[in-house]
């Protein structure tokens, strides 16, 4: 069924395989999408440079908006377990135009980050081979654009193949990759703490309670940087909500899995941040975390000093992290496009589900082709444009996360006063989280117009990151207007109407009490 007329059952099944994803499977896929090994090694260095030893405080601060927004996601999922998530929920709250743009924000962010993940996987593949063989020249192969792109496309094809197959295959593959990644990170962090306490550290820095005091951060700009950090290091947990129609308990499993995912990742980040600060300090020379020469890949540079002959396991963990995230991240845009096609917001071809695998195969392939094409072209044209586009993705994430959180506030505005709990989880928490992300979106947009932002590239004195961010939003508006011409029923509110439907109201008491 696609583009159906509005009924009491405004949200409807799309042909996915129900009852196949439990809490454990969803958490595994959520952690995989966040990719803690890759994310941490890319984020820890720049964060230390900005805030010094207050990194644990900044990580905790960054956790706050994600947790607050997660409450809104959970409540919306309980009311409407729909694979379209942000698209469907924003449409029900604010209407088809806002809903379409929320869906666009999610799709463009996840599709473009796929190219980044594939590129990282390429770098670490050759880095790992060089480490194991002792031949450093092998690592340089990743710099060859032809070899780089061919390897990247191979990674993308493998990830798409797994995503195309049934969701149970995805869970099995992800369980192994995530278990290995988390185990290596735990061993790495604990070993660093043990060696620091035994006097074997490079620059032992005693753990101090001030590390957790955000008020001791160097400046307000550092606090803002902490909120920006949250977008990067925690983004991806919402993928578990896009599998709600495949969950064993659609109303509860995705919300619980999202909360567990964020908490697990938070624990890993805090362990690693404390351990590495204690072992290497925050100096700007040598192996200090503040050294700009190692900031792009801190875990790699500290792997041998901490793990000794097993240091290569860190490169393998980051490789598995980026490869696993490449596959799991692909789930989100495919299911959002499936829902948009199902409700008539994009061509109906996107609503097709593979008859055997019960997955949105067409949408998954299109997302992979777009990401692959984008990476291949940009890798040859300009690496600066490639990475500046990825930098601009933070704005897209703030955009659709913020819209989704505010959708919860508006959607539940009439029921949120029924109890103290309802007021907190349906109104206050998503309101604060949503406002924080909207403010961060605006601030990042303003900052990115500065030519010094990102790679330093500019056009007419305006930063390229800002131009790309605005450009992606405007492209979404143009495509939306084209779809309004081609698919008018959705934009007239005939398919997915605003407001409560009968089913929402009947089930409300089940999750308010």
Protein backbone atom coordinates (compact mmCIF):
# COMPACT_ATOMS: atom_id res chain seq x y z
CA UNK A 1 0.00 0.00 0.00
CA UNK A 2 1.41 3.39 -0.99
CA UNK A 3 0.04 6.92 -0.81
CA UNK A 4 -3.12 5.79 0.93
CA UNK A 5 -5.86 8.25 1.89
CA UNK A 6 -5.98 9.40 5.49
CA UNK A 7 -7.78 7.10 7.89
CA UNK A 8 -7.77 6.44 11.60
CA UNK A 9 -4.63 4.39 10.94
CA UNK A 10 -2.59 7.28 9.55
CA UNK A 11 0.72 5.46 9.85
CA UNK A 12 0.80 2.04 8.24
CA UNK A 13 2.93 -1.05 7.59
CA UNK A 14 5.34 -0.92 4.68
CA UNK A 15 6.11 -4.60 4.17
CA UNK A 16 9.23 -4.85 6.32
CA UNK A 17 9.88 -8.00 8.37
CA UNK A 18 8.15 -7.55 11.75
CA UNK A 19 9.43 -9.09 14.99
CA UNK A 20 13.03 -9.61 13.85
CA UNK A 21 14.95 -7.01 15.90
CA UNK A 22 15.27 -7.30 19.66
CA UNK A 23 16.86 -4.92 22.16
CA UNK A 24 20.32 -6.51 21.86
CA UNK A 25 20.28 -6.44 18.06
CA UNK A 26 19.11 -2.83 18.01
CA UNK A 27 21.78 -1.74 20.53
CA UNK A 28 24.47 -3.49 18.50
CA UNK A 29 23.36 -1.70 15.34
CA UNK A 30 23.10 1.60 17.22
CA UNK A 31 26.63 1.33 18.64
CA UNK A 32 27.87 0.26 15.22
CA UNK A 33 26.38 3.33 13.57
CA UNK A 34 27.98 5.69 16.10
CA UNK A 35 31.33 3.91 15.44
CA UNK A 36 32.99 4.75 18.78
CA UNK A 37 36.51 3.61 17.77
CA UNK A 38 36.63 5.78 14.65
CA UNK A 39 34.69 8.65 16.22
CA UNK A 40 36.83 8.86 19.34
CA UNK A 41 40.16 8.79 17.54
CA UNK A 42 38.99 11.62 15.28
CA UNK A 43 37.47 13.73 18.07
CA UNK A 44 39.71 13.44 21.12
CA UNK A 45 42.67 15.46 19.80
CA UNK A 46 40.76 18.57 18.66
CA UNK A 47 38.68 18.46 21.84
CA UNK A 48 41.75 18.41 24.08
CA UNK A 49 43.16 21.36 22.14
CA UNK A 50 39.96 23.29 22.85
CA UNK A 51 39.25 22.39 26.48
CA UNK A 52 42.37 20.74 27.90
CA UNK A 53 41.79 18.19 30.65
CA UNK A 54 38.08 19.10 30.89
CA UNK A 55 37.34 16.57 28.13
CA UNK A 56 35.30 14.27 30.44
CA UNK A 57 33.15 17.26 31.45
CA UNK A 58 32.62 18.23 27.82
CA UNK A 59 31.66 14.65 26.90
CA UNK A 60 29.09 14.65 29.71
CA UNK A 61 27.83 18.05 28.56
CA UNK A 62 27.52 16.80 25.00
CA UNK A 63 25.54 13.84 26.26
CA UNK A 64 22.82 16.11 27.68
CA UNK A 65 21.10 17.30 24.45
CA UNK A 66 21.25 13.80 22.99
CA UNK A 67 19.56 12.35 26.08
CA UNK A 68 16.89 15.06 26.12
CA UNK A 69 16.15 14.61 22.43
CA UNK A 70 16.04 10.83 22.91
CA UNK A 71 13.03 11.25 25.24
CA UNK A 72 11.12 12.97 22.44
CA UNK A 73 12.11 10.26 19.97
CA UNK A 74 10.99 7.56 22.40
CA UNK A 75 7.57 9.09 22.96
CA UNK A 76 6.98 9.67 19.27
CA UNK A 77 7.98 6.11 18.54
CA UNK A 78 5.56 4.80 21.15
CA UNK A 79 2.73 6.77 19.58
CA UNK A 80 3.72 6.07 15.96
CA UNK A 81 6.20 3.21 15.38
CA UNK A 82 7.01 4.21 11.80
CA UNK A 83 10.19 3.61 9.80
CA UNK A 84 10.01 7.20 8.53
CA UNK A 85 10.83 8.53 12.04
CA UNK A 86 11.76 12.23 11.64
CA UNK A 87 9.91 12.55 8.33
CA UNK A 88 6.71 10.91 9.56
CA UNK A 89 6.69 12.53 12.99
CA UNK A 90 7.44 16.07 11.80
CA UNK A 91 4.72 15.68 9.15
CA UNK A 92 2.17 14.63 11.78
CA UNK A 93 3.21 17.53 14.03
CA UNK A 94 3.88 20.41 11.65
CA UNK A 95 2.55 19.36 8.26
CA UNK A 96 3.97 17.98 4.99
CA UNK A 97 6.46 20.74 4.19
CA UNK A 98 8.29 20.65 7.51
CA UNK A 99 8.07 16.86 7.51
CA UNK A 100 9.59 16.63 4.03
CA UNK A 101 12.51 18.85 5.03
CA UNK A 102 13.09 16.83 8.22
CA UNK A 103 13.27 13.69 6.09
CA UNK A 104 15.61 15.44 3.68
CA UNK A 105 17.91 16.49 6.52
CA UNK A 106 18.17 12.89 7.73
CA UNK A 107 18.69 11.44 4.26
CA UNK A 108 21.30 13.94 3.08
CA UNK A 109 23.25 13.70 6.33
CA UNK A 110 23.37 9.92 6.38
CA UNK A 111 23.95 9.47 2.64
CA UNK A 112 26.89 11.85 2.59
CA UNK A 113 28.44 10.49 5.78
CA UNK A 114 28.47 7.07 4.10
CA UNK A 115 31.15 8.41 1.78
CA UNK A 116 33.18 9.62 4.75
CA UNK A 117 32.98 6.24 6.47
CA UNK A 118 34.03 4.45 3.29
CA UNK A 119 36.98 6.81 2.91
CA UNK A 120 38.08 6.20 6.51
CA UNK A 121 37.80 2.44 6.00
CA UNK A 122 40.14 2.72 3.00
CA UNK A 123 42.73 4.68 4.99
CA UNK A 124 42.76 2.22 7.86
CA UNK A 125 42.81 -0.83 5.61
CA UNK A 126 46.14 0.17 4.10
CA UNK A 127 47.39 1.50 7.44
CA UNK A 128 46.65 -1.87 9.05
CA UNK A 129 48.41 -3.80 6.28
CA UNK A 130 51.43 -1.51 6.65
CA UNK A 131 51.50 -2.09 10.42
CA UNK A 132 51.29 -5.86 10.13
CA UNK A 133 53.86 -6.16 7.34
CA UNK A 134 56.19 -3.43 8.60
CA UNK A 135 56.12 -1.85 5.13
CA UNK A 136 55.18 1.79 5.67
CA UNK A 137 54.92 2.46 1.92
CA UNK A 138 51.71 0.40 1.79
CA UNK A 139 49.94 3.05 3.88
CA UNK A 140 50.70 5.56 1.13
CA UNK A 141 48.54 3.64 -1.33
CA UNK A 142 45.47 5.26 0.23
CA UNK A 143 46.74 8.62 -1.09
CA UNK A 144 46.50 7.38 -4.69
CA UNK A 145 43.07 8.60 -5.85
CA UNK A 146 42.50 5.68 -8.24
CA UNK A 147 43.35 3.01 -5.65
CA UNK A 148 41.47 4.95 -2.99
CA UNK A 149 38.25 5.26 -4.99
CA UNK A 150 38.29 1.65 -6.23
CA UNK A 151 38.78 0.35 -2.67
CA UNK A 152 36.13 2.73 -1.38
CA UNK A 153 33.61 1.49 -3.94
CA UNK A 154 34.38 -2.09 -2.94
CA UNK A 155 33.63 -1.27 0.71
CA UNK A 156 30.42 0.47 -0.33
CA UNK A 157 29.31 -2.46 -2.48
CA UNK A 158 29.91 -4.95 0.34
CA UNK A 159 27.99 -2.80 2.83
CA UNK A 160 25.10 -2.35 0.41
CA UNK A 161 24.94 -6.09 -0.25
CA UNK A 162 24.59 -6.82 3.47
CA UNK A 163 21.99 -4.05 3.90
CA UNK A 164 20.07 -5.38 0.91
CA UNK A 165 19.72 -8.79 2.52
CA UNK A 166 17.44 -9.48 5.45
CA UNK A 167 17.82 -7.57 8.72
CA UNK A 168 18.86 -10.78 10.51
CA UNK A 169 21.99 -10.97 8.35
CA UNK A 170 22.78 -7.40 9.32
CA UNK A 171 22.43 -8.22 13.01
CA UNK A 172 24.74 -11.24 12.77
CA UNK A 173 27.46 -9.33 10.93
CA UNK A 174 27.20 -6.33 13.25
CA UNK A 175 27.34 -8.42 16.42
CA UNK A 176 30.78 -9.75 15.56
CA UNK A 177 32.19 -6.41 14.41
CA UNK A 178 30.82 -4.43 17.35
CA UNK A 179 31.84 -7.03 19.96
CA UNK A 180 35.40 -6.96 18.65
CA UNK A 181 35.51 -3.16 18.51
CA UNK A 182 34.19 -2.70 22.06
CA UNK A 183 36.45 -5.42 23.48
CA UNK A 184 39.57 -3.83 21.97
CA UNK A 185 38.59 -0.37 23.25
CA UNK A 186 38.00 -1.73 26.75
CA UNK A 187 41.37 -3.51 26.79
CA UNK A 188 43.06 -0.40 25.38
CA UNK A 189 41.51 1.93 27.99
CA UNK A 190 42.09 -0.37 30.95
CA UNK A 191 45.70 -1.05 29.88
CA UNK A 192 46.36 2.68 29.63
CA UNK A 193 45.02 3.20 33.16
CA UNK A 194 47.09 0.33 34.56
CA UNK A 195 50.28 1.53 32.89
CA UNK A 196 49.65 5.10 34.01
CA UNK A 197 49.18 4.03 37.62
CA UNK A 198 52.30 1.83 37.53
CA UNK A 199 54.58 4.61 36.35
CA UNK A 200 54.83 3.51 32.71
CA UNK A 201 52.98 6.50 31.28
CA UNK A 202 54.42 8.87 28.70
CA UNK A 203 53.26 11.91 30.66
CA UNK A 204 51.36 10.71 33.69
CA UNK A 205 48.63 13.15 34.69
CA UNK A 206 46.85 12.25 37.95
CA UNK A 207 43.08 11.95 37.56
CA UNK A 208 41.40 14.93 39.19
CA UNK A 209 37.72 15.73 39.96
CA UNK A 210 38.17 19.04 38.11
CA UNK A 211 38.21 17.06 34.86
CA UNK A 212 34.46 16.64 35.33
CA UNK A 213 33.70 20.29 36.13
CA UNK A 214 32.47 22.08 33.02
CA UNK A 215 32.74 25.41 34.83
CA UNK A 216 36.51 25.07 34.65
CA UNK A 217 36.46 24.90 30.87
CA UNK A 218 38.66 27.63 29.35
CA UNK A 219 35.83 29.67 27.85
CA UNK A 220 32.19 29.80 26.77
CA UNK A 221 33.34 28.96 23.25
CA UNK A 222 34.77 25.73 24.67
CA UNK A 223 31.35 24.88 26.11
CA UNK A 224 29.78 25.52 22.70
CA UNK A 225 32.46 23.29 21.22
CA UNK A 226 31.32 20.62 23.66
CA UNK A 227 27.77 20.76 22.36
CA UNK A 228 29.09 20.61 18.80
CA UNK A 229 31.13 17.59 19.84
CA UNK A 230 27.97 15.82 20.93
CA UNK A 231 26.62 15.95 17.40
CA UNK A 232 29.69 14.17 16.11
CA UNK A 233 30.42 11.62 18.81
CA UNK A 234 26.85 10.57 19.66
CA UNK A 235 25.15 10.95 16.29
CA UNK A 236 23.74 7.70 14.90
CA UNK A 237 21.75 6.31 17.84
CA UNK A 238 18.50 7.24 16.09
CA UNK A 239 19.06 4.46 13.53
CA UNK A 240 17.46 2.07 16.03
CA UNK A 241 14.19 4.00 15.68
CA UNK A 242 14.13 3.53 11.90
CA UNK A 243 13.88 -0.22 12.54
CA UNK A 244 10.79 0.16 14.73
CA UNK A 245 8.53 -1.65 12.28
CA UNK A 246 10.94 -4.60 12.40
CA UNK A 247 11.23 -4.63 16.21
CA UNK A 248 9.85 -7.41 18.39
CA UNK A 249 8.01 -4.80 20.46
CA UNK A 250 7.67 -1.74 18.18
CA UNK A 251 6.35 0.55 20.92
CA UNK A 252 9.11 -0.15 23.45
CA UNK A 253 12.14 -1.94 21.99
CA UNK A 254 13.48 0.98 19.89
CA UNK A 255 13.24 3.50 22.75
CA UNK A 256 14.97 1.20 25.20
CA UNK A 257 17.65 0.35 22.64
CA UNK A 258 18.28 4.03 21.91
CA UNK A 259 18.77 4.82 25.60
CA UNK A 260 21.08 1.83 26.11
CA UNK A 261 23.08 2.72 23.00
CA UNK A 262 23.79 6.25 24.22
CA UNK A 263 24.73 5.05 27.73
CA UNK A 264 27.09 2.32 26.43
CA UNK A 265 28.86 4.77 24.14
CA UNK A 266 29.06 7.38 26.90
CA UNK A 267 30.77 4.85 29.18
CA UNK A 268 33.32 3.96 26.48
CA UNK A 269 34.11 7.61 25.76
CA UNK A 270 34.61 8.47 29.42
CA UNK A 271 36.88 5.46 29.99
CA UNK A 272 39.04 6.29 26.98
CA UNK A 273 39.19 10.03 27.71
CA UNK A 274 40.26 9.51 31.34
CA UNK A 275 42.71 6.73 30.47
CA UNK A 276 44.46 8.60 27.66
CA UNK A 277 44.69 11.85 29.62
CA UNK A 278 46.22 9.95 32.53
CA UNK A 279 48.66 8.12 30.25
CA UNK A 280 49.69 10.80 27.74
CA UNK A 281 48.58 14.12 29.23
CA UNK A 282 47.36 17.09 27.19
CA UNK A 283 50.73 18.41 26.03
CA UNK A 284 51.23 19.90 22.57
CA UNK A 285 54.40 17.96 21.77
CA UNK A 286 55.36 14.32 21.40
CA UNK A 287 52.44 11.98 22.13
CA UNK A 288 50.51 14.53 24.19
CA UNK A 289 46.84 14.60 23.22
CA UNK A 290 47.12 18.31 22.39
CA UNK A 291 49.80 17.76 19.73
CA UNK A 292 48.31 18.88 16.39
CA UNK A 293 50.56 16.44 14.53
CA UNK A 294 48.72 13.40 15.95
CA UNK A 295 45.22 14.82 16.30
CA UNK A 296 43.82 13.18 13.19
CA UNK A 297 44.44 9.69 14.59
CA UNK A 298 45.30 9.71 18.27
CA UNK A 299 44.51 6.04 18.89
CA UNK A 300 46.93 4.95 16.19
CA UNK A 301 49.84 6.96 17.58
CA UNK A 302 49.22 5.70 21.11
CA UNK A 303 48.49 2.10 20.12
CA UNK A 304 52.06 0.78 20.28
CA UNK A 305 53.08 2.70 23.46
CA UNK A 306 50.02 1.30 25.26
CA UNK A 307 49.41 -2.10 23.63
CA UNK A 308 52.98 -2.99 22.60
CA UNK A 309 53.12 -5.71 19.92
CA UNK A 310 49.32 -5.86 19.87
CA UNK A 311 49.04 -2.23 18.82
CA UNK A 312 47.84 -3.27 15.38
CA UNK A 313 44.57 -4.34 17.02
CA UNK A 314 43.68 -0.66 17.37
CA UNK A 315 43.94 -0.11 13.62
CA UNK A 316 41.85 -3.24 13.06
CA UNK A 317 39.28 -1.96 15.57
CA UNK A 318 38.99 1.40 13.82
CA UNK A 319 38.78 -0.35 10.45
CA UNK A 320 36.01 -2.65 11.72
CA UNK A 321 34.33 0.36 13.33
CA UNK A 322 34.16 2.38 10.12
CA UNK A 323 33.24 -0.67 8.01
CA UNK A 324 30.48 -1.72 10.41
CA UNK A 325 29.15 1.83 10.63
CA UNK A 326 29.18 2.07 6.85
CA UNK A 327 26.78 -0.85 6.67
CA UNK A 328 24.54 0.05 9.61
CA UNK A 329 24.32 3.74 8.73
CA UNK A 330 22.87 2.72 5.36
CA UNK A 331 19.79 1.38 7.15
CA UNK A 332 18.55 4.84 8.11
CA UNK A 333 18.26 6.65 4.73
CA UNK A 334 16.88 3.52 3.09
CA UNK A 335 14.01 3.25 5.57
CA UNK A 336 13.32 6.98 5.53
CA UNK A 337 13.13 6.96 1.72
CA UNK A 338 10.92 3.87 1.96
CA UNK A 339 8.49 5.76 4.18
CA UNK A 340 8.60 8.87 1.98
CA UNK A 341 7.78 6.72 -1.04
CA UNK A 342 5.08 4.84 0.89
CA UNK A 343 3.29 8.06 1.83
CA UNK A 344 3.69 9.63 -1.60
CA UNK A 345 6.35 12.25 -0.77
CA UNK A 346 8.86 10.87 -3.31
CA UNK A 347 8.44 8.54 -6.33
CA UNK A 348 6.59 5.32 -5.51
CA UNK A 349 9.58 3.22 -6.62
CA UNK A 350 11.21 4.01 -3.28
CA UNK A 351 8.33 2.27 -1.49
CA UNK A 352 9.22 -1.14 -2.90
CA UNK A 353 10.35 -3.87 -0.52
CA UNK A 354 12.27 -6.94 -1.64
CA UNK A 355 9.78 -9.84 -1.63
CA UNK A 356 12.27 -12.31 -0.12
CA UNK A 357 14.51 -10.21 2.12
CA UNK A 358 11.79 -7.78 3.26
CA UNK A 359 14.20 -4.82 3.03
CA UNK A 360 13.93 -1.50 1.12
CA UNK A 361 16.37 -2.71 -1.52
CA UNK A 362 15.78 -0.01 -4.13
CA UNK A 363 16.19 2.82 -1.62
CA UNK A 364 19.35 1.21 -0.20
CA UNK A 365 20.92 0.90 -3.64
CA UNK A 366 20.06 4.49 -4.60
CA UNK A 367 21.54 5.81 -1.34
CA UNK A 368 24.73 3.82 -1.92
CA UNK A 369 25.04 4.95 -5.53
CA UNK A 370 24.65 8.61 -4.58
CA UNK A 371 27.20 8.32 -1.76
CA UNK A 372 29.64 6.42 -4.00
CA UNK A 373 29.28 8.87 -6.85
CA UNK A 374 29.73 11.85 -4.56
CA UNK A 375 32.89 10.42 -3.00
CA UNK A 376 34.42 9.39 -6.32
CA UNK A 377 33.86 12.79 -7.95
CA UNK A 378 34.96 14.84 -4.94
CA UNK A 379 38.05 12.68 -4.33
CA UNK A 380 39.32 13.61 -7.80
CA UNK A 381 38.01 17.18 -7.90
CA UNK A 382 38.92 18.50 -4.45
CA UNK A 383 39.53 16.84 -1.12
CA UNK A 384 38.84 20.19 0.54
CA UNK A 385 35.31 20.26 -0.89
CA UNK A 386 34.80 16.63 0.15
CA UNK A 387 35.76 17.21 3.78
CA UNK A 388 34.05 20.61 3.97
CA UNK A 389 30.82 18.97 2.84
CA UNK A 390 31.18 16.39 5.60
CA UNK A 391 31.91 19.20 8.09
CA UNK A 392 28.65 20.84 7.02
CA UNK A 393 26.77 17.66 7.90
CA UNK A 394 26.81 18.72 11.55
CA UNK A 395 24.34 21.43 10.61
CA UNK A 396 22.05 18.90 8.93
CA UNK A 397 22.10 16.70 12.01
CA UNK A 398 21.23 19.64 14.30
CA UNK A 399 18.50 20.54 11.84
CA UNK A 400 16.64 17.24 11.75
CA UNK A 401 17.32 16.26 15.38
CA UNK A 402 16.04 19.66 16.51
CA UNK A 403 12.96 19.46 14.30
CA UNK A 404 12.16 15.97 15.56
CA UNK A 405 12.46 17.01 19.21
CA UNK A 406 10.22 20.03 18.67
CA UNK A 407 7.78 17.80 16.79
CA UNK A 408 7.36 15.80 20.00
CA UNK A 409 6.64 19.00 21.94
CA UNK A 410 3.98 20.15 19.51
CA UNK A 411 2.46 16.74 18.91
CA UNK A 412 2.01 15.99 22.61
CA UNK A 413 1.14 19.52 23.73
CA UNK A 414 -2.45 18.53 24.62
CA UNK A 415 -1.56 15.36 26.56
CA UNK A 416 1.70 16.39 28.19
CA UNK A 417 -0.10 17.90 31.18
CA UNK A 418 -1.81 14.63 32.12
CA UNK A 419 0.95 13.72 34.58
CA UNK A 420 4.32 14.89 35.84
CA UNK A 421 6.07 12.13 33.91
CA UNK A 422 4.28 13.04 30.69
CA UNK A 423 5.23 16.69 31.17
CA UNK A 424 8.89 15.79 31.60
CA UNK A 425 9.34 13.26 28.80
CA UNK A 426 6.88 14.60 26.23
CA UNK A 427 7.34 18.34 26.71
CA UNK A 428 10.16 19.64 28.90
CA UNK A 429 13.02 17.32 27.90
CA UNK A 430 12.46 17.41 24.13
CA UNK A 431 11.80 21.16 24.30
CA UNK A 432 15.11 21.92 26.00
CA UNK A 433 17.02 19.47 23.79
CA UNK A 434 15.36 20.72 20.62
CA UNK A 435 16.01 24.39 21.44
CA UNK A 436 19.64 23.62 22.23
CA UNK A 437 20.11 21.94 18.86
CA UNK A 438 18.31 24.69 16.94
CA UNK A 439 20.49 27.32 18.62
CA UNK A 440 23.56 25.22 17.83
CA UNK A 441 22.40 24.88 14.22
CA UNK A 442 22.10 28.67 13.85
CA UNK A 443 25.41 29.32 15.62
CA UNK A 444 27.23 26.74 13.49
CA UNK A 445 25.72 28.19 10.34
CA UNK A 446 26.92 31.67 11.27
CA UNK A 447 30.39 30.41 12.22
CA UNK A 448 30.72 28.39 9.03
CA UNK A 449 30.32 31.50 6.89
CA UNK A 450 33.77 32.54 8.13
CA UNK A 451 36.38 31.59 5.49
CA UNK A 452 38.61 30.21 8.26
CA UNK A 453 36.04 27.53 9.13
CA UNK A 454 36.82 24.00 7.93
CA UNK A 455 39.52 23.74 5.28
CA UNK A 456 39.75 27.51 4.87
CA UNK A 457 38.26 27.43 1.36
CA UNK A 458 36.00 30.30 0.37
CA UNK A 459 33.95 31.74 -2.45
CA UNK A 460 33.65 35.52 -2.60
CA UNK A 461 34.87 35.86 0.98
CA UNK A 462 32.26 33.40 2.33
CA UNK A 463 33.36 30.13 3.91
CA UNK A 464 32.80 27.06 1.76
CA UNK A 465 31.36 25.07 4.67
CA UNK A 466 28.61 27.67 5.13
CA UNK A 467 27.88 27.76 1.41
CA UNK A 468 27.63 23.97 1.30
CA UNK A 469 25.38 23.87 4.36
CA UNK A 470 22.98 26.45 2.95
CA UNK A 471 23.23 24.81 -0.45
CA UNK A 472 22.14 21.41 0.89
CA UNK A 473 19.11 22.96 2.55
CA UNK A 474 18.18 24.89 -0.61
CA UNK A 475 18.58 21.74 -2.71
CA UNK A 476 16.10 20.08 -0.38
CA UNK A 477 13.63 22.93 -0.89
CA UNK A 478 13.97 22.67 -4.68
CA UNK A 479 13.41 18.91 -4.65
CA UNK A 480 10.45 19.35 -2.31
CA UNK A 481 8.81 21.82 -4.69
CA UNK A 482 9.35 19.42 -7.58
CA UNK A 483 7.74 16.62 -5.57
CA UNK A 484 4.82 18.90 -4.69
CA UNK A 485 4.18 19.25 -8.41
CA UNK A 486 4.53 15.52 -9.08
CA UNK A 487 2.94 14.14 -5.86
CA UNK A 488 0.38 16.75 -4.73
CA UNK A 489 -1.74 14.46 -2.52
CA UNK A 490 0.94 14.23 0.18
CA UNK A 491 1.43 18.00 0.26
CA UNK A 492 -2.32 18.57 0.57
CA UNK A 493 -2.31 16.48 3.74
CA UNK A 494 -4.50 13.77 2.21
CA UNK A 495 -2.06 10.92 2.92
CA UNK A 496 -0.41 11.68 6.26
CA UNK A 497 -2.56 14.21 8.16
CA UNK A 498 -1.48 16.45 11.00
CA UNK A 499 -2.51 15.77 14.59
CA UNK A 500 -3.55 12.74 16.62
CA UNK A 501 -5.30 9.82 15.05
CA UNK A 502 -7.66 7.48 16.85
CA UNK A 503 -4.98 4.83 17.41
CA UNK A 504 -2.63 7.33 19.05
CA UNK A 505 -5.23 8.47 21.52
CA UNK A 506 -6.39 4.95 22.37
CA UNK A 507 -2.87 3.76 23.26
CA UNK A 508 -1.68 6.85 25.08
CA UNK A 509 -2.46 5.57 28.55
CA UNK A 510 -0.26 2.53 27.98
CA UNK A 511 2.94 4.53 28.07
CA UNK A 512 2.06 7.58 30.16
CA UNK A 513 1.54 5.60 33.36
